[in-house]
Amino acid sequence: MTSPEKRIYRGALKAQNNPDGLSFEEFQRLMGGLGWINDHQTGSHQIWYSPNRYRVSVQNRKGRAKGYQVRQFLNRYYEENNNE
C-alpha cells in the first residue's frame, strides 16, 4: 500500500469511527482520494459527484464536517463499491 493509499485508508477509518470529529479539510481529502469530484460550489454548499454520478452536497461548518453528511457519503461510497 502506497503512502497516499494509507492516508486515504486512515481517513476513511477516522470518518467511520467518528464522523462528527472530522475536519472539513480531511473530509474533502477523503472524498477526492476516493475518486469523488468537487463539481461546483453554490453559496456554502459544495456539490460532489461520485464516479457513478451520485450527488452529495456538503458544507463547511466552522472548519468541521457535518457528521450526517460524512455518514451519507460513507453509506453511498460503500453501497457503490460493494455492488461491483
N, C-alpha and C. Protein backbone atom coordinates (compact mmCIF):
# COMPACT_ATOMS: atom_id res chain seq x y z
N MET A 1 0.86 -1.18 0.00
CA MET A 1 0.00 0.00 0.00
C MET A 1 0.90 1.24 0.00
N THR A 2 0.64 2.15 -0.92
CA THR A 2 1.44 3.36 -1.02
C THR A 2 1.05 4.36 0.08
N SER A 3 1.88 5.36 0.25
CA SER A 3 1.62 6.37 1.27
C SER A 3 0.28 7.10 1.07
N PRO A 4 -0.07 7.55 -0.16
CA PRO A 4 -1.38 8.18 -0.34
C PRO A 4 -2.54 7.23 -0.03
N GLU A 5 -2.38 5.95 -0.38
CA GLU A 5 -3.42 4.97 -0.07
C GLU A 5 -3.58 4.80 1.44
N LYS A 6 -2.47 4.82 2.16
CA LYS A 6 -2.53 4.70 3.62
C LYS A 6 -3.25 5.90 4.23
N ARG A 7 -2.98 7.10 3.71
CA ARG A 7 -3.65 8.30 4.23
C ARG A 7 -5.15 8.23 4.00
N ILE A 8 -5.54 7.76 2.81
CA ILE A 8 -6.97 7.64 2.50
C ILE A 8 -7.61 6.59 3.41
N TYR A 9 -6.93 5.48 3.59
CA TYR A 9 -7.43 4.42 4.46
C TYR A 9 -7.61 4.91 5.90
N ARG A 10 -6.60 5.63 6.41
CA ARG A 10 -6.70 6.17 7.78
C ARG A 10 -7.83 7.19 7.87
N GLY A 11 -7.98 8.01 6.81
CA GLY A 11 -9.06 9.00 6.80
C GLY A 11 -10.43 8.33 6.79
N ALA A 12 -10.56 7.25 6.03
CA ALA A 12 -11.84 6.53 5.98
C ALA A 12 -12.15 5.89 7.33
N LEU A 13 -11.14 5.34 7.98
CA LEU A 13 -11.36 4.75 9.31
C LEU A 13 -11.76 5.81 10.32
N LYS A 14 -11.08 6.95 10.28
CA LYS A 14 -11.42 8.03 11.20
C LYS A 14 -12.85 8.50 10.95
N ALA A 15 -13.24 8.64 9.70
CA ALA A 15 -14.60 9.09 9.35
C ALA A 15 -15.63 8.08 9.81
N GLN A 16 -15.33 6.81 9.65
CA GLN A 16 -16.26 5.76 10.04
C GLN A 16 -16.40 5.68 11.55
N ASN A 17 -15.30 5.81 12.27
CA ASN A 17 -15.32 5.69 13.73
C ASN A 17 -15.87 6.92 14.42
N ASN A 18 -15.67 8.10 13.83
CA ASN A 18 -16.12 9.33 14.47
C ASN A 18 -16.49 10.36 13.39
N PRO A 19 -17.63 10.21 12.73
CA PRO A 19 -17.99 11.12 11.65
C PRO A 19 -18.15 12.57 12.10
N ASP A 20 -18.46 12.79 13.38
CA ASP A 20 -18.60 14.16 13.89
C ASP A 20 -17.26 14.80 14.20
N GLY A 21 -16.18 14.02 14.21
CA GLY A 21 -14.87 14.55 14.58
C GLY A 21 -13.96 14.86 13.41
N LEU A 22 -14.50 14.87 12.21
CA LEU A 22 -13.69 15.08 11.02
C LEU A 22 -13.64 16.55 10.67
N SER A 23 -12.43 17.04 10.37
CA SER A 23 -12.35 18.42 9.90
C SER A 23 -12.86 18.46 8.46
N PHE A 24 -13.29 19.62 8.02
CA PHE A 24 -13.80 19.74 6.66
C PHE A 24 -12.72 19.46 5.64
N GLU A 25 -11.50 19.89 5.94
CA GLU A 25 -10.37 19.63 5.04
C GLU A 25 -10.11 18.12 4.92
N GLU A 26 -10.16 17.39 6.03
CA GLU A 26 -9.99 15.94 5.99
C GLU A 26 -11.09 15.28 5.15
N PHE A 27 -12.31 15.78 5.32
CA PHE A 27 -13.45 15.25 4.58
C PHE A 27 -13.26 15.47 3.08
N GLN A 28 -12.82 16.65 2.70
CA GLN A 28 -12.58 16.94 1.28
C GLN A 28 -11.48 16.03 0.72
N ARG A 29 -10.39 15.85 1.47
CA ARG A 29 -9.30 14.99 1.02
C ARG A 29 -9.78 13.54 0.86
N LEU A 30 -10.62 13.10 1.80
CA LEU A 30 -11.14 11.74 1.74
C LEU A 30 -12.00 11.56 0.49
N MET A 31 -12.93 12.47 0.25
CA MET A 31 -13.80 12.35 -0.92
C MET A 31 -12.98 12.37 -2.21
N GLY A 32 -12.05 13.32 -2.31
CA GLY A 32 -11.21 13.40 -3.50
C GLY A 32 -10.35 12.17 -3.69
N GLY A 33 -9.80 11.67 -2.60
CA GLY A 33 -8.94 10.49 -2.66
C GLY A 33 -9.68 9.23 -3.07
N LEU A 34 -10.99 9.21 -2.82
CA LEU A 34 -11.80 8.05 -3.20
C LEU A 34 -12.46 8.22 -4.56
N GLY A 35 -12.03 9.24 -5.30
CA GLY A 35 -12.48 9.38 -6.67
C GLY A 35 -13.68 10.29 -6.89
N TRP A 36 -14.17 10.93 -5.84
CA TRP A 36 -15.29 11.85 -5.99
C TRP A 36 -14.77 13.18 -6.52
N ILE A 37 -15.61 13.89 -7.26
CA ILE A 37 -15.22 15.14 -7.91
C ILE A 37 -16.01 16.30 -7.31
N ASN A 38 -15.28 17.37 -6.92
CA ASN A 38 -15.93 18.59 -6.46
C ASN A 38 -16.35 19.35 -7.72
N ASP A 39 -17.63 19.28 -8.04
CA ASP A 39 -18.15 19.84 -9.29
C ASP A 39 -18.27 21.35 -9.24
N HIS A 40 -18.89 21.86 -8.20
CA HIS A 40 -19.06 23.31 -8.07
C HIS A 40 -19.51 23.66 -6.66
N GLN A 41 -19.54 24.95 -6.40
CA GLN A 41 -19.99 25.44 -5.10
C GLN A 41 -21.02 26.54 -5.33
N THR A 42 -22.12 26.46 -4.61
CA THR A 42 -23.16 27.48 -4.64
C THR A 42 -23.36 27.95 -3.20
N GLY A 43 -22.96 29.17 -2.92
CA GLY A 43 -23.01 29.66 -1.54
C GLY A 43 -22.09 28.83 -0.68
N SER A 44 -22.62 28.28 0.41
CA SER A 44 -21.81 27.46 1.31
C SER A 44 -21.84 25.98 0.94
N HIS A 45 -22.58 25.61 -0.08
CA HIS A 45 -22.76 24.20 -0.45
C HIS A 45 -21.79 23.81 -1.56
N GLN A 46 -20.96 22.80 -1.27
CA GLN A 46 -20.11 22.21 -2.29
C GLN A 46 -20.83 20.98 -2.82
N ILE A 47 -20.86 20.83 -4.13
CA ILE A 47 -21.53 19.70 -4.76
C ILE A 47 -20.47 18.73 -5.26
N TRP A 48 -20.49 17.53 -4.73
CA TRP A 48 -19.54 16.49 -5.08
C TRP A 48 -20.29 15.37 -5.79
N TYR A 49 -19.62 14.75 -6.77
CA TYR A 49 -20.19 13.62 -7.51
C TYR A 49 -19.28 12.41 -7.41
N SER A 50 -19.91 11.26 -7.26
CA SER A 50 -19.18 10.00 -7.26
C SER A 50 -18.84 9.63 -8.70
N PRO A 51 -17.95 8.66 -8.90
CA PRO A 51 -17.67 8.20 -10.26
C PRO A 51 -18.93 7.70 -10.98
N ASN A 52 -19.92 7.25 -10.22
CA ASN A 52 -21.19 6.78 -10.80
C ASN A 52 -22.23 7.88 -10.87
N ARG A 53 -21.82 9.12 -10.62
CA ARG A 53 -22.65 10.33 -10.74
C ARG A 53 -23.68 10.49 -9.63
N TYR A 54 -23.45 9.89 -8.46
CA TYR A 54 -24.30 10.17 -7.31
C TYR A 54 -23.87 11.51 -6.75
N ARG A 55 -24.82 12.35 -6.35
CA ARG A 55 -24.55 13.72 -5.90
C ARG A 55 -24.67 13.84 -4.39
N VAL A 56 -23.69 14.52 -3.78
CA VAL A 56 -23.73 14.83 -2.35
C VAL A 56 -23.41 16.31 -2.19
N SER A 57 -24.21 16.99 -1.39
CA SER A 57 -23.97 18.39 -1.06
C SER A 57 -23.37 18.44 0.35
N VAL A 58 -22.23 19.12 0.49
CA VAL A 58 -21.57 19.21 1.80
C VAL A 58 -21.31 20.67 2.14
N GLN A 59 -21.21 20.93 3.44
CA GLN A 59 -20.98 22.28 3.91
C GLN A 59 -19.90 22.30 4.98
N ASN A 60 -19.14 23.38 4.98
CA ASN A 60 -18.12 23.62 5.98
C ASN A 60 -18.80 24.34 7.14
N ARG A 61 -18.77 23.73 8.32
CA ARG A 61 -19.36 24.35 9.49
C ARG A 61 -18.24 24.67 10.48
N LYS A 62 -17.74 25.91 10.36
CA LYS A 62 -16.67 26.39 11.24
C LYS A 62 -15.47 25.45 11.23
N GLY A 63 -15.08 24.99 10.04
CA GLY A 63 -13.90 24.15 9.90
C GLY A 63 -14.15 22.67 10.11
N ARG A 64 -15.37 22.28 10.43
CA ARG A 64 -15.70 20.89 10.69
C ARG A 64 -16.67 20.37 9.64
N ALA A 65 -16.61 19.08 9.38
CA ALA A 65 -17.58 18.44 8.50
C ALA A 65 -18.81 18.10 9.33
N LYS A 66 -19.97 18.17 8.71
CA LYS A 66 -21.20 17.79 9.39
C LYS A 66 -21.28 16.26 9.43
N GLY A 67 -21.48 15.72 10.62
CA GLY A 67 -21.48 14.27 10.81
C GLY A 67 -22.47 13.55 9.92
N TYR A 68 -23.66 14.09 9.76
CA TYR A 68 -24.66 13.40 8.95
C TYR A 68 -24.24 13.38 7.48
N GLN A 69 -23.50 14.39 7.03
CA GLN A 69 -23.03 14.41 5.65
C GLN A 69 -21.89 13.41 5.45
N VAL A 70 -21.05 13.25 6.46
CA VAL A 70 -19.98 12.25 6.39
C VAL A 70 -20.61 10.86 6.32
N ARG A 71 -21.61 10.60 7.18
CA ARG A 71 -22.28 9.30 7.16
C ARG A 71 -22.98 9.05 5.82
N GLN A 72 -23.62 10.07 5.28
CA GLN A 72 -24.30 9.96 3.99
C GLN A 72 -23.29 9.60 2.90
N PHE A 73 -22.15 10.28 2.91
CA PHE A 73 -21.10 10.00 1.93
C PHE A 73 -20.60 8.56 2.07
N LEU A 74 -20.26 8.15 3.30
CA LEU A 74 -19.72 6.81 3.51
C LEU A 74 -20.73 5.73 3.11
N ASN A 75 -22.00 5.92 3.45
CA ASN A 75 -23.02 4.94 3.07
C ASN A 75 -23.09 4.78 1.56
N ARG A 76 -23.09 5.89 0.86
CA ARG A 76 -23.16 5.83 -0.60
C ARG A 76 -21.89 5.23 -1.19
N TYR A 77 -20.75 5.60 -0.65
CA TYR A 77 -19.49 5.06 -1.14
C TYR A 77 -19.47 3.53 -0.99
N TYR A 78 -19.82 3.03 0.20
CA TYR A 78 -19.80 1.58 0.42
C TYR A 78 -20.86 0.88 -0.42
N GLU A 79 -22.00 1.51 -0.59
CA GLU A 79 -23.06 0.93 -1.44
C GLU A 79 -22.59 0.78 -2.88
N GLU A 80 -21.96 1.81 -3.41
CA GLU A 80 -21.49 1.75 -4.79
C GLU A 80 -20.36 0.75 -4.98
N ASN A 81 -19.47 0.62 -3.99
CA ASN A 81 -18.29 -0.21 -4.15
C ASN A 81 -18.51 -1.65 -3.74
N ASN A 82 -19.57 -1.97 -3.04
CA ASN A 82 -19.86 -3.36 -2.70
C ASN A 82 -20.67 -4.05 -3.78
N ASN A 83 -21.23 -3.29 -4.72
CA ASN A 83 -22.02 -3.87 -5.80
C ASN A 83 -21.18 -4.18 -7.03
N GLU A 84 -19.91 -3.83 -7.00
CA GLU A 84 -19.06 -4.06 -8.18
C GLU A 84 -18.45 -5.43 -8.16
